[in-house]
Amino acid sequence: MRGRPYRPTAPDWRDAAWSWLGAFFGMSAVTWLNTHWLSQQLLIVGSFGATSVLIYAAPESPFAQPRNVLVGSVLSALVGVAWFQFVGATALGVALAVSLAVLVMQLTHTVHPPGAAAALIAVIGGPEIHALGWAFPLMPVGLGCAVMLVVAILVNNLAHHRRYPRHW
């Protein structure tokens, strides 16, 4: 049995504009804090780009809800730091950090795909990340996610057709 062919729908420019606005202000807030408040501290990690896609462009997704974003990211970063401490920046460390981060997020009902990236970054992030040690899950990961969530709540609820979060 053949299904109907895929036909892309016209883009919703209004929704896309709100997503852009949220991503712009969310990343601007994190980088401003990094530059002006924490000038010697790293506050930006690569997983924030993927978090931005979820909380600003797909705010209705279960993976984009505040509990998932914050708890999933922080727990995953903790797992990543732990495995870096045990086995270093090795192939085994990478495999264990990412796979165990996925397991922990599933068991705690806090799945946030960028969380697995936070675990990976904790292992392969290099000397600057490794120097943060056990602080890495709180800053930059926890604080950065919290700042982006505040912006997501503000921007997504300014749009009349959006509501964020769907649940806490």
N, C-alpha and C. Protein backbone atom coordinates (compact mmCIF):
# COMPACT_ATOMS: atom_id res chain seq x y z
N MET A 1 0.85 -1.18 0.00
CA MET A 1 0.00 0.00 0.00
C MET A 1 0.89 1.24 0.00
N ARG A 2 0.61 2.13 -0.88
CA ARG A 2 1.40 3.35 -1.01
C ARG A 2 0.71 4.49 -0.31
N GLY A 3 1.51 5.27 0.41
CA GLY A 3 0.99 6.46 1.08
C GLY A 3 0.97 7.64 0.13
N ARG A 4 0.42 8.70 0.61
CA ARG A 4 0.41 9.93 -0.19
C ARG A 4 1.80 10.52 -0.21
N PRO A 5 2.17 11.14 -1.32
CA PRO A 5 3.51 11.75 -1.39
C PRO A 5 3.61 12.94 -0.43
N TYR A 6 4.79 13.15 0.04
CA TYR A 6 5.05 14.27 0.94
C TYR A 6 4.94 15.58 0.19
N ARG A 7 4.18 16.49 0.74
CA ARG A 7 4.06 17.83 0.16
C ARG A 7 4.35 18.84 1.25
N PRO A 8 5.46 19.53 1.12
CA PRO A 8 5.78 20.52 2.16
C PRO A 8 4.74 21.63 2.18
N THR A 9 4.44 22.09 3.37
CA THR A 9 3.51 23.20 3.51
C THR A 9 4.30 24.51 3.44
N ALA A 10 3.59 25.55 3.17
CA ALA A 10 4.24 26.86 3.14
C ALA A 10 4.75 27.20 4.53
N PRO A 11 5.91 27.81 4.62
CA PRO A 11 6.44 28.15 5.94
C PRO A 11 5.55 29.17 6.66
N ASP A 12 5.47 29.02 7.94
CA ASP A 12 4.73 29.97 8.76
C ASP A 12 5.73 31.06 9.17
N TRP A 13 5.75 32.15 8.43
CA TRP A 13 6.75 33.20 8.65
C TRP A 13 6.60 33.85 10.02
N ARG A 14 5.38 33.95 10.49
CA ARG A 14 5.15 34.55 11.80
C ARG A 14 5.80 33.69 12.90
N ASP A 15 5.58 32.39 12.83
CA ASP A 15 6.16 31.48 13.81
C ASP A 15 7.68 31.46 13.70
N ALA A 16 8.18 31.46 12.47
CA ALA A 16 9.63 31.46 12.26
C ALA A 16 10.26 32.74 12.81
N ALA A 17 9.57 33.85 12.67
CA ALA A 17 10.09 35.12 13.20
C ALA A 17 10.18 35.08 14.72
N TRP A 18 9.18 34.51 15.39
CA TRP A 18 9.24 34.39 16.85
C TRP A 18 10.37 33.46 17.27
N SER A 19 10.57 32.39 16.52
CA SER A 19 11.68 31.46 16.82
C SER A 19 13.02 32.18 16.68
N TRP A 20 13.16 32.96 15.62
CA TRP A 20 14.40 33.72 15.42
C TRP A 20 14.60 34.70 16.57
N LEU A 21 13.54 35.41 16.92
CA LEU A 21 13.63 36.40 17.99
C LEU A 21 14.08 35.75 19.30
N GLY A 22 13.48 34.63 19.65
CA GLY A 22 13.86 33.93 20.87
C GLY A 22 15.30 33.47 20.83
N ALA A 23 15.70 32.84 19.73
CA ALA A 23 17.08 32.34 19.61
C ALA A 23 18.07 33.50 19.68
N PHE A 24 17.75 34.60 19.02
CA PHE A 24 18.65 35.75 19.03
C PHE A 24 18.81 36.32 20.45
N PHE A 25 17.69 36.55 21.12
CA PHE A 25 17.78 37.13 22.46
C PHE A 25 18.31 36.14 23.49
N GLY A 26 17.98 34.87 23.33
CA GLY A 26 18.51 33.86 24.25
C GLY A 26 20.03 33.76 24.18
N MET A 27 20.56 33.64 22.97
CA MET A 27 22.01 33.55 22.82
C MET A 27 22.67 34.89 23.13
N SER A 28 21.99 35.98 22.82
CA SER A 28 22.54 37.30 23.17
C SER A 28 22.67 37.45 24.68
N ALA A 29 21.67 36.99 25.42
CA ALA A 29 21.73 37.09 26.88
C ALA A 29 22.88 36.26 27.45
N VAL A 30 23.04 35.05 26.93
CA VAL A 30 24.13 34.19 27.42
C VAL A 30 25.48 34.79 27.07
N THR A 31 25.64 35.27 25.84
CA THR A 31 26.95 35.85 25.47
C THR A 31 27.21 37.17 26.18
N TRP A 32 26.16 37.96 26.41
CA TRP A 32 26.35 39.21 27.16
C TRP A 32 26.83 38.90 28.57
N LEU A 33 26.17 37.96 29.24
CA LEU A 33 26.61 37.57 30.58
C LEU A 33 28.05 37.08 30.57
N ASN A 34 28.38 36.29 29.56
CA ASN A 34 29.74 35.77 29.45
C ASN A 34 30.76 36.89 29.30
N THR A 35 30.43 37.88 28.50
CA THR A 35 31.37 38.96 28.22
C THR A 35 31.45 39.99 29.34
N HIS A 36 30.31 40.38 29.89
CA HIS A 36 30.27 41.49 30.83
C HIS A 36 30.26 41.11 32.31
N TRP A 37 29.82 39.92 32.62
CA TRP A 37 29.70 39.54 34.02
C TRP A 37 30.73 38.48 34.40
N LEU A 38 30.96 37.56 33.51
CA LEU A 38 31.86 36.44 33.81
C LEU A 38 33.06 36.48 32.87
N SER A 39 33.69 37.59 32.74
CA SER A 39 34.73 37.77 31.72
C SER A 39 35.82 36.71 31.75
N GLN A 40 36.09 36.11 32.90
CA GLN A 40 37.12 35.07 32.97
C GLN A 40 36.53 33.66 32.94
N GLN A 41 35.23 33.55 32.90
CA GLN A 41 34.57 32.25 32.99
C GLN A 41 33.87 31.92 31.68
N LEU A 42 33.96 30.70 31.27
CA LEU A 42 33.27 30.23 30.07
C LEU A 42 31.81 29.98 30.38
N LEU A 43 30.89 30.55 29.62
CA LEU A 43 29.47 30.33 29.83
C LEU A 43 28.78 29.74 28.60
N ILE A 44 29.48 29.58 27.51
CA ILE A 44 28.86 29.13 26.27
C ILE A 44 29.40 27.76 25.89
N VAL A 45 28.49 26.82 25.65
CA VAL A 45 28.88 25.50 25.16
C VAL A 45 28.06 25.17 23.91
N GLY A 46 28.58 24.29 23.10
CA GLY A 46 27.96 23.96 21.82
C GLY A 46 26.54 23.43 21.92
N SER A 47 26.22 22.74 23.01
CA SER A 47 24.87 22.17 23.14
C SER A 47 23.79 23.25 23.20
N PHE A 48 24.17 24.49 23.52
CA PHE A 48 23.19 25.58 23.59
C PHE A 48 22.55 25.87 22.22
N GLY A 49 23.27 25.61 21.15
CA GLY A 49 22.69 25.80 19.83
C GLY A 49 21.51 24.88 19.61
N ALA A 50 21.68 23.61 19.97
CA ALA A 50 20.60 22.64 19.83
C ALA A 50 19.46 22.91 20.81
N THR A 51 19.80 23.33 22.01
CA THR A 51 18.76 23.71 22.98
C THR A 51 17.93 24.85 22.42
N SER A 52 18.57 25.80 21.75
CA SER A 52 17.85 26.93 21.15
C SER A 52 16.83 26.46 20.12
N VAL A 53 17.19 25.49 19.31
CA VAL A 53 16.24 24.97 18.32
C VAL A 53 15.00 24.44 19.02
N LEU A 54 15.20 23.69 20.09
CA LEU A 54 14.06 23.10 20.78
C LEU A 54 13.20 24.14 21.50
N ILE A 55 13.81 24.99 22.31
CA ILE A 55 12.98 25.88 23.14
C ILE A 55 12.41 27.08 22.39
N TYR A 56 13.01 27.44 21.27
CA TYR A 56 12.50 28.59 20.51
C TYR A 56 11.74 28.18 19.25
N ALA A 57 12.15 27.10 18.59
CA ALA A 57 11.49 26.70 17.34
C ALA A 57 10.50 25.55 17.54
N ALA A 58 10.65 24.79 18.61
CA ALA A 58 9.73 23.67 18.87
C ALA A 58 9.32 23.67 20.35
N PRO A 59 8.79 24.79 20.84
CA PRO A 59 8.51 24.90 22.28
C PRO A 59 7.45 23.94 22.79
N GLU A 60 6.69 23.34 21.89
CA GLU A 60 5.68 22.37 22.32
C GLU A 60 6.26 20.97 22.52
N SER A 61 7.48 20.75 22.09
CA SER A 61 8.11 19.43 22.20
C SER A 61 8.31 19.03 23.66
N PRO A 62 8.09 17.77 23.99
CA PRO A 62 8.38 17.32 25.36
C PRO A 62 9.85 17.55 25.73
N PHE A 63 10.74 17.46 24.76
CA PHE A 63 12.17 17.64 25.01
C PHE A 63 12.53 19.10 25.29
N ALA A 64 11.61 20.02 25.02
CA ALA A 64 11.88 21.45 25.19
C ALA A 64 11.31 22.01 26.49
N GLN A 65 10.68 21.20 27.29
CA GLN A 65 10.07 21.69 28.52
C GLN A 65 11.14 21.98 29.57
N PRO A 66 10.90 22.97 30.43
CA PRO A 66 11.94 23.43 31.35
C PRO A 66 12.62 22.33 32.17
N ARG A 67 11.85 21.42 32.70
CA ARG A 67 12.46 20.34 33.50
C ARG A 67 13.44 19.53 32.66
N ASN A 68 13.05 19.21 31.44
CA ASN A 68 13.92 18.44 30.56
C ASN A 68 15.18 19.23 30.21
N VAL A 69 15.00 20.50 29.88
CA VAL A 69 16.14 21.32 29.48
C VAL A 69 17.14 21.44 30.62
N LEU A 70 16.67 21.84 31.78
CA LEU A 70 17.58 22.12 32.89
C LEU A 70 18.10 20.83 33.54
N VAL A 71 17.21 19.98 33.96
CA VAL A 71 17.64 18.77 34.66
C VAL A 71 18.36 17.81 33.72
N GLY A 72 17.82 17.61 32.53
CA GLY A 72 18.47 16.72 31.57
C GLY A 72 19.88 17.17 31.21
N SER A 73 20.06 18.46 31.02
CA SER A 73 21.38 19.00 30.67
C SER A 73 22.36 18.89 31.84
N VAL A 74 21.91 19.26 33.03
CA VAL A 74 22.80 19.23 34.20
C VAL A 74 23.18 17.80 34.56
N LEU A 75 22.20 16.89 34.59
CA LEU A 75 22.53 15.49 34.88
C LEU A 75 23.50 14.91 33.86
N SER A 76 23.26 15.21 32.60
CA SER A 76 24.15 14.71 31.54
C SER A 76 25.56 15.27 31.68
N ALA A 77 25.65 16.55 32.00
CA ALA A 77 26.98 17.15 32.20
C ALA A 77 27.68 16.50 33.38
N LEU A 78 26.95 16.19 34.45
CA LEU A 78 27.53 15.49 35.60
C LEU A 78 28.07 14.12 35.19
N VAL A 79 27.30 13.40 34.40
CA VAL A 79 27.73 12.09 33.90
C VAL A 79 29.01 12.25 33.07
N GLY A 80 29.03 13.25 32.21
CA GLY A 80 30.21 13.49 31.38
C GLY A 80 31.44 13.81 32.20
N VAL A 81 31.31 14.65 33.20
CA VAL A 81 32.45 14.98 34.07
C VAL A 81 32.92 13.74 34.81
N ALA A 82 32.00 12.94 35.30
CA ALA A 82 32.37 11.72 36.02
C ALA A 82 33.20 10.79 35.15
N TRP A 83 32.74 10.57 33.94
CA TRP A 83 33.48 9.65 33.07
C TRP A 83 34.79 10.25 32.61
N PHE A 84 34.85 11.55 32.44
CA PHE A 84 36.15 12.15 32.13
C PHE A 84 37.11 11.93 33.30
N GLN A 85 36.61 12.11 34.52
CA GLN A 85 37.46 11.92 35.71
C GLN A 85 37.97 10.48 35.79
N PHE A 86 37.13 9.51 35.44
CA PHE A 86 37.51 8.10 35.56
C PHE A 86 38.42 7.62 34.43
N VAL A 87 38.10 7.96 33.18
CA VAL A 87 38.85 7.37 32.07
C VAL A 87 39.45 8.38 31.10
N GLY A 88 39.24 9.68 31.36
CA GLY A 88 39.85 10.69 30.52
C GLY A 88 39.13 10.87 29.19
N ALA A 89 39.74 11.67 28.35
CA ALA A 89 39.17 11.97 27.02
C ALA A 89 39.52 10.84 26.06
N THR A 90 38.93 9.69 26.29
CA THR A 90 39.19 8.49 25.50
C THR A 90 37.92 8.08 24.76
N ALA A 91 38.06 7.16 23.84
CA ALA A 91 36.89 6.63 23.13
C ALA A 91 35.92 5.99 24.12
N LEU A 92 36.46 5.28 25.10
CA LEU A 92 35.60 4.67 26.13
C LEU A 92 34.89 5.75 26.94
N GLY A 93 35.60 6.81 27.29
CA GLY A 93 34.99 7.91 28.04
C GLY A 93 33.85 8.55 27.27
N VAL A 94 34.05 8.75 25.96
CA VAL A 94 33.00 9.33 25.11
C VAL A 94 31.79 8.41 25.07
N ALA A 95 32.02 7.14 24.80
CA ALA A 95 30.92 6.18 24.67
C ALA A 95 30.14 6.06 25.98
N LEU A 96 30.86 5.96 27.09
CA LEU A 96 30.19 5.83 28.39
C LEU A 96 29.43 7.11 28.76
N ALA A 97 30.04 8.26 28.54
CA ALA A 97 29.39 9.52 28.92
C ALA A 97 28.09 9.71 28.16
N VAL A 98 28.12 9.54 26.86
CA VAL A 98 26.92 9.77 26.06
C VAL A 98 25.86 8.71 26.35
N SER A 99 26.25 7.44 26.36
CA SER A 99 25.26 6.38 26.56
C SER A 99 24.65 6.44 27.96
N LEU A 100 25.46 6.71 28.97
CA LEU A 100 24.92 6.80 30.32
C LEU A 100 24.11 8.08 30.53
N ALA A 101 24.45 9.14 29.84
CA ALA A 101 23.62 10.34 29.90
C ALA A 101 22.23 10.05 29.34
N VAL A 102 22.17 9.33 28.24
CA VAL A 102 20.88 8.94 27.66
C VAL A 102 20.10 8.09 28.66
N LEU A 103 20.77 7.12 29.27
CA LEU A 103 20.12 6.26 30.27
C LEU A 103 19.58 7.07 31.45
N VAL A 104 20.41 7.94 32.00
CA VAL A 104 20.00 8.75 33.16
C VAL A 104 18.83 9.65 32.79
N MET A 105 18.88 10.28 31.63
CA MET A 105 17.76 11.14 31.23
C MET A 105 16.47 10.34 31.07
N GLN A 106 16.58 9.14 30.48
CA GLN A 106 15.37 8.32 30.33
C GLN A 106 14.81 7.90 31.68
N LEU A 107 15.68 7.47 32.58
CA LEU A 107 15.22 7.00 33.89
C LEU A 107 14.63 8.11 34.75
N THR A 108 15.07 9.34 34.53
CA THR A 108 14.56 10.47 35.30
C THR A 108 13.47 11.25 34.55
N HIS A 109 13.08 10.78 33.38
CA HIS A 109 12.06 11.45 32.56
C HIS A 109 12.45 12.89 32.26
N THR A 110 13.73 13.10 31.94
CA THR A 110 14.23 14.45 31.62
C THR A 110 14.98 14.45 30.30
N VAL A 111 14.51 13.69 29.31
CA VAL A 111 15.23 13.59 28.04
C VAL A 111 15.27 14.95 27.35
N HIS A 112 16.47 15.39 27.07
CA HIS A 112 16.74 16.63 26.33
C HIS A 112 17.95 16.30 25.45
N PRO A 113 17.76 16.06 24.15
CA PRO A 113 18.86 15.60 23.30
C PRO A 113 20.16 16.41 23.43
N PRO A 114 20.11 17.74 23.55
CA PRO A 114 21.37 18.46 23.75
C PRO A 114 22.09 18.08 25.05
N GLY A 115 21.38 17.47 25.98
CA GLY A 115 22.02 16.99 27.20
C GLY A 115 23.13 16.00 26.89
N ALA A 116 22.88 15.11 25.94
CA ALA A 116 23.92 14.15 25.54
C ALA A 116 25.13 14.88 24.98
N ALA A 117 24.89 16.00 24.30
CA ALA A 117 26.01 16.81 23.81
C ALA A 117 26.78 17.42 24.97
N ALA A 118 26.08 17.81 26.03
CA ALA A 118 26.76 18.36 27.21
C ALA A 118 27.67 17.30 27.83
N ALA A 119 27.21 16.05 27.86
CA ALA A 119 28.05 14.95 28.37
C ALA A 119 29.27 14.77 27.49
N LEU A 120 29.07 14.80 26.20
CA LEU A 120 30.18 14.67 25.25
C LEU A 120 31.19 15.81 25.41
N ILE A 121 30.69 17.03 25.53
CA ILE A 121 31.56 18.20 25.68
C ILE A 121 32.38 18.09 26.96
N ALA A 122 31.78 17.55 28.03
CA ALA A 122 32.52 17.39 29.29
C ALA A 122 33.73 16.48 29.11
N VAL A 123 33.64 15.52 28.20
CA VAL A 123 34.74 14.58 27.96
C VAL A 123 35.75 15.13 26.96
N ILE A 124 35.28 15.68 25.85
CA ILE A 124 36.20 16.08 24.78
C ILE A 124 36.39 17.58 24.66
N GLY A 125 35.87 18.34 25.61
CA GLY A 125 35.87 19.80 25.52
C GLY A 125 37.22 20.48 25.60
N GLY A 126 38.25 19.77 25.99
CA GLY A 126 39.58 20.37 26.05
C GLY A 126 39.91 20.96 27.40
N PRO A 127 41.10 21.53 27.51
CA PRO A 127 41.61 22.00 28.80
C PRO A 127 40.72 23.03 29.50
N GLU A 128 40.11 23.93 28.75
CA GLU A 128 39.26 24.96 29.36
C GLU A 128 38.04 24.33 30.06
N ILE A 129 37.43 23.37 29.40
CA ILE A 129 36.28 22.66 29.98
C ILE A 129 36.74 21.77 31.12
N HIS A 130 37.81 21.02 30.90
CA HIS A 130 38.31 20.10 31.93
C HIS A 130 38.73 20.84 33.19
N ALA A 131 39.23 22.06 33.05
CA ALA A 131 39.65 22.85 34.22
C ALA A 131 38.45 23.21 35.10
N LEU A 132 37.26 23.26 34.54
CA LEU A 132 36.07 23.57 35.32
C LEU A 132 35.69 22.42 36.25
N GLY A 133 36.05 21.21 35.87
CA GLY A 133 35.77 20.04 36.70
C GLY A 133 34.30 19.92 37.04
N TRP A 134 34.01 19.68 38.33
CA TRP A 134 32.64 19.46 38.78
C TRP A 134 31.79 20.73 38.72
N ALA A 135 32.38 21.88 38.47
CA ALA A 135 31.59 23.10 38.32
C ALA A 135 30.92 23.16 36.94
N PHE A 136 31.45 22.44 35.95
CA PHE A 136 30.93 22.48 34.58
C PHE A 136 29.41 22.26 34.50
N PRO A 137 28.83 21.30 35.23
CA PRO A 137 27.38 21.12 35.13
C PRO A 137 26.57 22.33 35.62
N LEU A 138 27.11 23.08 36.57
CA LEU A 138 26.39 24.26 37.07
C LEU A 138 26.66 25.50 36.25
N MET A 139 27.92 25.70 35.90
CA MET A 139 28.29 26.85 35.08
C MET A 139 29.43 26.42 34.18
N PRO A 140 29.17 26.28 32.96
CA PRO A 140 28.19 27.00 32.14
C PRO A 140 26.84 26.32 31.92
N VAL A 141 26.73 25.00 32.06
CA VAL A 141 25.54 24.30 31.59
C VAL A 141 24.27 24.76 32.32
N GLY A 142 24.21 24.65 33.63
CA GLY A 142 23.00 25.01 34.36
C GLY A 142 22.61 26.47 34.22
N LEU A 143 23.58 27.36 34.44
CA LEU A 143 23.28 28.79 34.35
C LEU A 143 22.88 29.19 32.93
N GLY A 144 23.59 28.69 31.95
CA GLY A 144 23.26 29.02 30.56
C GLY A 144 21.87 28.54 30.17
N CYS A 145 21.53 27.31 30.57
CA CYS A 145 20.18 26.80 30.29
C CYS A 145 19.12 27.63 31.00
N ALA A 146 19.38 28.01 32.24
CA ALA A 146 18.41 28.82 33.00
C ALA A 146 18.17 30.16 32.31
N VAL A 147 19.23 30.80 31.86
CA VAL A 147 19.08 32.09 31.16
C VAL A 147 18.26 31.91 29.89
N MET A 148 18.58 30.88 29.11
CA MET A 148 17.83 30.65 27.87
C MET A 148 16.38 30.31 28.16
N LEU A 149 16.11 29.61 29.24
CA LEU A 149 14.72 29.29 29.60
C LEU A 149 13.93 30.54 29.97
N VAL A 150 14.54 31.46 30.70
CA VAL A 150 13.86 32.71 31.04
C VAL A 150 13.47 33.45 29.76
N VAL A 151 14.40 33.53 28.82
CA VAL A 151 14.10 34.19 27.54
C VAL A 151 13.00 33.43 26.79
N ALA A 152 13.06 32.09 26.80
CA ALA A 152 12.04 31.29 26.11
C ALA A 152 10.66 31.54 26.70
N ILE A 153 10.56 31.61 28.00
CA ILE A 153 9.27 31.87 28.65
C ILE A 153 8.75 33.25 28.25
N LEU A 154 9.62 34.24 28.26
CA LEU A 154 9.20 35.60 27.89
C LEU A 154 8.79 35.69 26.42
N VAL A 155 9.68 35.29 25.53
CA VAL A 155 9.43 35.47 24.10
C VAL A 155 8.29 34.59 23.61
N ASN A 156 8.28 33.32 24.00
CA ASN A 156 7.23 32.43 23.51
C ASN A 156 5.85 32.85 24.00
N ASN A 157 5.76 33.48 25.15
CA ASN A 157 4.45 33.90 25.65
C ASN A 157 4.04 35.29 25.19
N LEU A 158 4.95 36.02 24.57
CA LEU A 158 4.57 37.29 23.95
C LEU A 158 3.76 37.05 22.68
N ALA A 159 4.04 35.96 22.00
CA ALA A 159 3.28 35.59 20.79
C ALA A 159 1.93 35.03 21.22
N HIS A 160 0.87 35.53 20.66
CA HIS A 160 -0.47 35.10 21.06
C HIS A 160 -0.75 33.64 20.69
N HIS A 161 -0.06 33.13 19.68
CA HIS A 161 -0.32 31.76 19.23
C HIS A 161 0.62 30.72 19.88
N ARG A 162 1.46 31.15 20.83
CA ARG A 162 2.38 30.23 21.49
C ARG A 162 2.12 30.23 22.99
N ARG A 163 2.37 29.09 23.61
CA ARG A 163 2.35 28.99 25.06
C ARG A 163 3.54 28.13 25.47
N TYR A 164 4.32 28.65 26.39
CA TYR A 164 5.49 27.93 26.88
C TYR A 164 5.68 28.24 28.36
N PRO A 165 5.88 27.28 29.16
CA PRO A 165 6.00 25.85 28.84
C PRO A 165 4.64 25.18 28.77
N ARG A 166 4.63 24.01 28.19
CA ARG A 166 3.41 23.19 28.16
C ARG A 166 3.19 22.57 29.53
N HIS A 167 4.29 22.23 30.18
CA HIS A 167 4.25 21.72 31.55
C HIS A 167 5.62 21.94 32.17
N TRP A 168 5.67 21.99 33.50
CA TRP A 168 6.92 22.21 34.20
C TRP A 168 7.58 20.89 34.52
